Amino acid sequence: MKTIQFIYLTAFSKTGGIEKFNKNVKIKMLFHCLKTAKKTDLLFVGHINLAPLVCVMKLLNKRMKVIVFT
């Protein structure tokens, strides 16, 4: 079975924007993404500002496919 993840910035608020970036992307979420990267087959990304995290995840799992919503 394939494992699919979806990460995005406004998971914990009703408004988006760069101002919410630091509030929504918490350390716990970052560690969870890195911990599960090796098991993820397909990653949906909901914001381009998550690119640094996605790059690290891709280094951990080169076979992972990434789709970014822009």
PDB file of N, CA and C in Angstrom:
ATOM      1  N   MET A   1       0.840  -1.178   0.000  1.00  0.00           N
ATOM      2  CA  MET A   1       0.000   0.000   0.000  1.00  0.00           C
ATOM      3  C   MET A   1       0.886   1.243   0.000  1.00  0.00           C
ATOM      4  N   LYS A   2       0.542   2.220  -0.808  1.00  0.00           N
ATOM      5  CA  LYS A   2       1.298   3.465  -0.871  1.00  0.00           C
ATOM      6  C   LYS A   2       0.915   4.376   0.285  1.00  0.00           C
ATOM      7  N   THR A   3       1.894   5.122   0.772  1.00  0.00           N
ATOM      8  CA  THR A   3       1.660   6.098   1.828  1.00  0.00           C
ATOM      9  C   THR A   3       1.693   7.483   1.213  1.00  0.00           C
ATOM     10  N   ILE A   4       0.652   8.264   1.492  1.00  0.00           N
ATOM     11  CA  ILE A   4       0.510   9.609   0.931  1.00  0.00           C
ATOM     12  C   ILE A   4       0.394  10.601   2.077  1.00  0.00           C
ATOM     13  N   GLN A   5       1.094  11.734   1.962  1.00  0.00           N
ATOM     14  CA  GLN A   5       0.996  12.815   2.939  1.00  0.00           C
ATOM     15  C   GLN A   5       0.536  14.082   2.233  1.00  0.00           C
ATOM     16  N   PHE A   6      -0.107  14.961   2.984  1.00  0.00           N
ATOM     17  CA  PHE A   6      -0.460  16.290   2.495  1.00  0.00           C
ATOM     18  C   PHE A   6      -0.084  17.279   3.580  1.00  0.00           C
ATOM     19  N   ILE A   7       0.807  18.215   3.274  1.00  0.00           N
ATOM     20  CA  ILE A   7       1.189  19.238   4.238  1.00  0.00           C
ATOM     21  C   ILE A   7       0.863  20.613   3.670  1.00  0.00           C
ATOM     22  N   TYR A   8       0.418  21.505   4.535  1.00  0.00           N
ATOM     23  CA  TYR A   8       0.093  22.860   4.118  1.00  0.00           C
ATOM     24  C   TYR A   8       0.191  23.797   5.313  1.00  0.00           C
ATOM     25  N   LEU A   9       0.141  25.085   5.052  1.00  0.00           N
ATOM     26  CA  LEU A   9       0.435  26.066   6.099  1.00  0.00           C
ATOM     27  C   LEU A   9      -0.748  26.451   6.964  1.00  0.00           C
ATOM     28  N   THR A  10      -1.948  26.416   6.467  1.00  0.00           N
ATOM     29  CA  THR A  10      -3.082  26.937   7.228  1.00  0.00           C
ATOM     30  C   THR A  10      -3.858  25.845   7.951  1.00  0.00           C
ATOM     31  N   ALA A  11      -3.177  24.807   8.368  1.00  0.00           N
ATOM     32  CA  ALA A  11      -3.839  23.690   9.036  1.00  0.00           C
ATOM     33  C   ALA A  11      -4.467  24.091  10.368  1.00  0.00           C
ATOM     34  N   PHE A  12      -3.921  25.104  11.037  1.00  0.00           N
ATOM     35  CA  PHE A  12      -4.373  25.446  12.377  1.00  0.00           C
ATOM     36  C   PHE A  12      -5.035  26.814  12.463  1.00  0.00           C
ATOM     37  N   SER A  13      -5.372  27.399  11.332  1.00  0.00           N
ATOM     38  CA  SER A  13      -6.037  28.709  11.356  1.00  0.00           C
ATOM     39  C   SER A  13      -6.960  28.826  10.161  1.00  0.00           C
ATOM     40  N   LYS A  14      -7.818  29.824  10.211  1.00  0.00           N
ATOM     41  CA  LYS A  14      -8.734  30.047   9.102  1.00  0.00           C
ATOM     42  C   LYS A  14      -8.181  31.031   8.083  1.00  0.00           C
ATOM     43  N   THR A  15      -7.113  31.740   8.422  1.00  0.00           N
ATOM     44  CA  THR A  15      -6.527  32.689   7.492  1.00  0.00           C
ATOM     45  C   THR A  15      -5.131  32.248   7.119  1.00  0.00           C
ATOM     46  N   GLY A  16      -4.762  32.525   5.894  1.00  0.00           N
ATOM     47  CA  GLY A  16      -3.436  32.134   5.423  1.00  0.00           C
ATOM     48  C   GLY A  16      -2.493  33.318   5.462  1.00  0.00           C
ATOM     49  N   GLY A  17      -1.481  33.227   4.665  1.00  0.00           N
ATOM     50  CA  GLY A  17      -0.539  34.324   4.550  1.00  0.00           C
ATOM     51  C   GLY A  17       0.786  34.027   5.206  1.00  0.00           C
ATOM     52  N   ILE A  18       1.760  34.771   4.797  1.00  0.00           N
ATOM     53  CA  ILE A  18       3.109  34.582   5.301  1.00  0.00           C
ATOM     54  C   ILE A  18       3.209  34.858   6.801  1.00  0.00           C
ATOM     55  N   GLU A  19       2.334  35.722   7.321  1.00  0.00           N
ATOM     56  CA  GLU A  19       2.351  36.035   8.755  1.00  0.00           C
ATOM     57  C   GLU A  19       2.062  34.808   9.609  1.00  0.00           C
ATOM     58  N   LYS A  20       1.290  33.897   9.088  1.00  0.00           N
ATOM     59  CA  LYS A  20       0.928  32.695   9.834  1.00  0.00           C
ATOM     60  C   LYS A  20       1.957  31.576   9.697  1.00  0.00           C
ATOM     61  N   PHE A  21       2.943  31.758   8.821  1.00  0.00           N
ATOM     62  CA  PHE A  21       3.899  30.679   8.546  1.00  0.00           C
ATOM     63  C   PHE A  21       4.571  30.171   9.816  1.00  0.00           C
ATOM     64  N   ASN A  22       5.180  31.059  10.576  1.00  0.00           N
ATOM     65  CA  ASN A  22       5.904  30.635  11.774  1.00  0.00           C
ATOM     66  C   ASN A  22       4.980  30.075  12.842  1.00  0.00           C
ATOM     67  N   LYS A  23       3.763  30.554  12.894  1.00  0.00           N
ATOM     68  CA  LYS A  23       2.810  30.051  13.884  1.00  0.00           C
ATOM     69  C   LYS A  23       2.380  28.625  13.551  1.00  0.00           C
ATOM     70  N   ASN A  24       2.146  28.359  12.296  1.00  0.00           N
ATOM     71  CA  ASN A  24       1.586  27.069  11.897  1.00  0.00           C
ATOM     72  C   ASN A  24       2.616  25.963  11.731  1.00  0.00           C
ATOM     73  N   VAL A  25       3.825  26.314  11.319  1.00  0.00           N
ATOM     74  CA  VAL A  25       4.848  25.294  11.120  1.00  0.00           C
ATOM     75  C   VAL A  25       5.643  25.176  12.410  1.00  0.00           C
ATOM     76  N   LYS A  26       5.189  24.265  13.263  1.00  0.00           N
ATOM     77  CA  LYS A  26       5.827  24.092  14.566  1.00  0.00           C
ATOM     78  C   LYS A  26       6.844  22.984  14.502  1.00  0.00           C
ATOM     79  N   ILE A  27       7.726  22.969  15.475  1.00  0.00           N
ATOM     80  CA  ILE A  27       8.806  21.986  15.563  1.00  0.00           C
ATOM     81  C   ILE A  27       8.251  20.560  15.525  1.00  0.00           C
ATOM     82  N   LYS A  28       7.171  20.316  16.228  1.00  0.00           N
ATOM     83  CA  LYS A  28       6.587  18.978  16.266  1.00  0.00           C
ATOM     84  C   LYS A  28       6.181  18.518  14.869  1.00  0.00           C
ATOM     85  N   MET A  29       5.595  19.407  14.080  1.00  0.00           N
ATOM     86  CA  MET A  29       5.177  19.080  12.723  1.00  0.00           C
ATOM     87  C   MET A  29       6.383  18.785  11.837  1.00  0.00           C
ATOM     88  N   LEU A  30       7.452  19.563  11.995  1.00  0.00           N
ATOM     89  CA  LEU A  30       8.662  19.348  11.211  1.00  0.00           C
ATOM     90  C   LEU A  30       9.270  17.977  11.499  1.00  0.00           C
ATOM     91  N   PHE A  31       9.374  17.627  12.781  1.00  0.00           N
ATOM     92  CA  PHE A  31       9.933  16.325  13.141  1.00  0.00           C
ATOM     93  C   PHE A  31       9.062  15.183  12.636  1.00  0.00           C
ATOM     94  N   HIS A  32       7.744  15.373  12.685  1.00  0.00           N
ATOM     95  CA  HIS A  32       6.835  14.337  12.177  1.00  0.00           C
ATOM     96  C   HIS A  32       7.053  14.123  10.679  1.00  0.00           C
ATOM     97  N   CYS A  33       7.163  15.194   9.925  1.00  0.00           N
ATOM     98  CA  CYS A  33       7.380  15.085   8.477  1.00  0.00           C
ATOM     99  C   CYS A  33       8.698  14.383   8.175  1.00  0.00           C
ATOM    100  N   LEU A  34       9.738  14.737   8.899  1.00  0.00           N
ATOM    101  CA  LEU A  34      11.042  14.116   8.678  1.00  0.00           C
ATOM    102  C   LEU A  34      11.034  12.647   9.085  1.00  0.00           C
ATOM    103  N   LYS A  35      10.342  12.339  10.173  1.00  0.00           N
ATOM    104  CA  LYS A  35      10.269  10.964  10.656  1.00  0.00           C
ATOM    105  C   LYS A  35       9.521  10.059   9.672  1.00  0.00           C
ATOM    106  N   THR A  36       8.491  10.581   9.037  1.00  0.00           N
ATOM    107  CA  THR A  36       7.667   9.771   8.136  1.00  0.00           C
ATOM    108  C   THR A  36       8.110   9.860   6.678  1.00  0.00           C
ATOM    109  N   ALA A  37       9.118  10.666   6.385  1.00  0.00           N
ATOM    110  CA  ALA A  37       9.543  10.864   4.990  1.00  0.00           C
ATOM    111  C   ALA A  37       9.949   9.561   4.315  1.00  0.00           C
ATOM    112  N   LYS A  38      10.643   8.696   5.030  1.00  0.00           N
ATOM    113  CA  LYS A  38      11.123   7.441   4.429  1.00  0.00           C
ATOM    114  C   LYS A  38       9.989   6.506   4.038  1.00  0.00           C
ATOM    115  N   LYS A  39       8.813   6.669   4.670  1.00  0.00           N
ATOM    116  CA  LYS A  39       7.672   5.808   4.376  1.00  0.00           C
ATOM    117  C   LYS A  39       6.704   6.426   3.371  1.00  0.00           C
ATOM    118  N   THR A  40       6.949   7.672   2.979  1.00  0.00           N
ATOM    119  CA  THR A  40       6.019   8.385   2.115  1.00  0.00           C
ATOM    120  C   THR A  40       6.330   8.120   0.643  1.00  0.00           C
ATOM    121  N   ASP A  41       5.315   7.706  -0.101  1.00  0.00           N
ATOM    122  CA  ASP A  41       5.457   7.474  -1.536  1.00  0.00           C
ATOM    123  C   ASP A  41       5.104   8.714  -2.348  1.00  0.00           C
ATOM    124  N   LEU A  42       4.099   9.456  -1.876  1.00  0.00           N
ATOM    125  CA  LEU A  42       3.612  10.631  -2.591  1.00  0.00           C
ATOM    126  C   LEU A  42       3.346  11.735  -1.578  1.00  0.00           C
ATOM    127  N   LEU A  43       3.891  12.917  -1.837  1.00  0.00           N
ATOM    128  CA  LEU A  43       3.739  14.054  -0.928  1.00  0.00           C
ATOM    129  C   LEU A  43       3.047  15.194  -1.660  1.00  0.00           C
ATOM    130  N   PHE A  44       1.904  15.620  -1.162  1.00  0.00           N
ATOM    131  CA  PHE A  44       1.212  16.808  -1.660  1.00  0.00           C
ATOM    132  C   PHE A  44       1.615  17.970  -0.766  1.00  0.00           C
ATOM    133  N   VAL A  45       2.034  19.073  -1.366  1.00  0.00           N
ATOM    134  CA  VAL A  45       2.481  20.241  -0.614  1.00  0.00           C
ATOM    135  C   VAL A  45       1.568  21.412  -0.954  1.00  0.00           C
ATOM    136  N   GLY A  46       1.022  22.056   0.070  1.00  0.00           N
ATOM    137  CA  GLY A  46       0.041  23.108  -0.134  1.00  0.00           C
ATOM    138  C   GLY A  46       0.588  24.520  -0.177  1.00  0.00           C
ATOM    139  N   HIS A  47       1.911  24.692  -0.023  1.00  0.00           N
ATOM    140  CA  HIS A  47       2.465  26.047  -0.074  1.00  0.00           C
ATOM    141  C   HIS A  47       3.942  25.981  -0.440  1.00  0.00           C
ATOM    142  N   ILE A  48       4.372  26.887  -1.284  1.00  0.00           N
ATOM    143  CA  ILE A  48       5.751  26.910  -1.760  1.00  0.00           C
ATOM    144  C   ILE A  48       6.754  27.196  -0.643  1.00  0.00           C
ATOM    145  N   ASN A  49       6.329  27.854   0.425  1.00  0.00           N
ATOM    146  CA  ASN A  49       7.235  28.154   1.538  1.00  0.00           C
ATOM    147  C   ASN A  49       7.660  26.903   2.306  1.00  0.00           C
ATOM    148  N   LEU A  50       7.048  25.769   2.007  1.00  0.00           N
ATOM    149  CA  LEU A  50       7.455  24.515   2.615  1.00  0.00           C
ATOM    150  C   LEU A  50       8.571  23.840   1.833  1.00  0.00           C
ATOM    151  N   ALA A  51       9.077  24.498   0.805  1.00  0.00           N
ATOM    152  CA  ALA A  51      10.118  23.928  -0.057  1.00  0.00           C
ATOM    153  C   ALA A  51      11.357  23.469   0.702  1.00  0.00           C
ATOM    154  N   PRO A  52      11.878  24.224   1.682  1.00  0.00           N
ATOM    155  CA  PRO A  52      13.057  23.733   2.403  1.00  0.00           C
ATOM    156  C   PRO A  52      12.798  22.400   3.107  1.00  0.00           C
ATOM    157  N   LEU A  53      11.648  22.269   3.730  1.00  0.00           N
ATOM    158  CA  LEU A  53      11.281  21.019   4.390  1.00  0.00           C
ATOM    159  C   LEU A  53      11.158  19.890   3.370  1.00  0.00           C
ATOM    160  N   VAL A  54      10.532  20.175   2.242  1.00  0.00           N
ATOM    161  CA  VAL A  54      10.349  19.171   1.198  1.00  0.00           C
ATOM    162  C   VAL A  54      11.698  18.715   0.639  1.00  0.00           C
ATOM    163  N   CYS A  55      12.619  19.636   0.484  1.00  0.00           N
ATOM    164  CA  CYS A  55      13.956  19.275  -0.017  1.00  0.00           C
ATOM    165  C   CYS A  55      14.655  18.306   0.928  1.00  0.00           C
ATOM    166  N   VAL A  56      14.553  18.550   2.225  1.00  0.00           N
ATOM    167  CA  VAL A  56      15.158  17.642   3.194  1.00  0.00           C
ATOM    168  C   VAL A  56      14.459  16.286   3.164  1.00  0.00           C
ATOM    169  N   MET A  57      13.129  16.305   3.065  1.00  0.00           N
ATOM    170  CA  MET A  57      12.385  15.050   2.978  1.00  0.00           C
ATOM    171  C   MET A  57      12.794  14.266   1.737  1.00  0.00           C
ATOM    172  N   LYS A  58      12.996  14.970   0.639  1.00  0.00           N
ATOM    173  CA  LYS A  58      13.395  14.320  -0.610  1.00  0.00           C
ATOM    174  C   LYS A  58      14.798  13.716  -0.491  1.00  0.00           C
ATOM    175  N   LEU A  59      15.685  14.351   0.259  1.00  0.00           N
ATOM    176  CA  LEU A  59      17.014  13.779   0.503  1.00  0.00           C
ATOM    177  C   LEU A  59      16.919  12.480   1.295  1.00  0.00           C
ATOM    178  N   LEU A  60      15.950  12.414   2.200  1.00  0.00           N
ATOM    179  CA  LEU A  60      15.757  11.211   3.007  1.00  0.00           C
ATOM    180  C   LEU A  60      15.093  10.085   2.219  1.00  0.00           C
ATOM    181  N   ASN A  61      14.333  10.444   1.180  1.00  0.00           N
ATOM    182  CA  ASN A  61      13.595   9.454   0.399  1.00  0.00           C
ATOM    183  C   ASN A  61      13.576   9.886  -1.069  1.00  0.00           C
ATOM    184  N   LYS A  62      14.554   9.475  -1.811  1.00  0.00           N
ATOM    185  CA  LYS A  62      14.696   9.902  -3.209  1.00  0.00           C
ATOM    186  C   LYS A  62      13.589   9.373  -4.115  1.00  0.00           C
ATOM    187  N   ARG A  63      12.912   8.298  -3.733  1.00  0.00           N
ATOM    188  CA  ARG A  63      11.846   7.748  -4.574  1.00  0.00           C
ATOM    189  C   ARG A  63      10.495   8.438  -4.352  1.00  0.00           C
ATOM    190  N   MET A  64      10.398   9.292  -3.327  1.00  0.00           N
ATOM    191  CA  MET A  64       9.156   9.991  -3.030  1.00  0.00           C
ATOM    192  C   MET A  64       8.814  10.968  -4.158  1.00  0.00           C
ATOM    193  N   LYS A  65       7.582  10.930  -4.611  1.00  0.00           N
ATOM    194  CA  LYS A  65       7.077  11.867  -5.612  1.00  0.00           C
ATOM    195  C   LYS A  65       6.477  13.055  -4.871  1.00  0.00           C
ATOM    196  N   VAL A  66       6.656  14.257  -5.424  1.00  0.00           N
ATOM    197  CA  VAL A  66       6.178  15.484  -4.793  1.00  0.00           C
ATOM    198  C   VAL A  66       5.294  16.246  -5.747  1.00  0.00           C
ATOM    199  N   ILE A  67       4.135  16.679  -5.261  1.00  0.00           N
ATOM    200  CA  ILE A  67       3.227  17.534  -6.029  1.00  0.00           C
ATOM    201  C   ILE A  67       3.007  18.795  -5.212  1.00  0.00           C
ATOM    202  N   VAL A  68       3.312  19.954  -5.799  1.00  0.00           N
ATOM    203  CA  VAL A  68       3.157  21.241  -5.111  1.00  0.00           C
ATOM    204  C   VAL A  68       1.981  21.990  -5.733  1.00  0.00           C
ATOM    205  N   PHE A  69       1.035  22.420  -4.899  1.00  0.00           N
ATOM    206  CA  PHE A  69      -0.080  23.247  -5.351  1.00  0.00           C
ATOM    207  C   PHE A  69       0.373  24.694  -5.328  1.00  0.00           C
ATOM    208  N   THR A  70       0.328  25.368  -6.481  1.00  0.00           N
ATOM    209  CA  THR A  70       0.736  26.770  -6.539  1.00  0.00           C
ATOM    210  C   THR A  70      -0.411  27.647  -6.969  1.00  0.00           C
TER     211      THR A  70
END
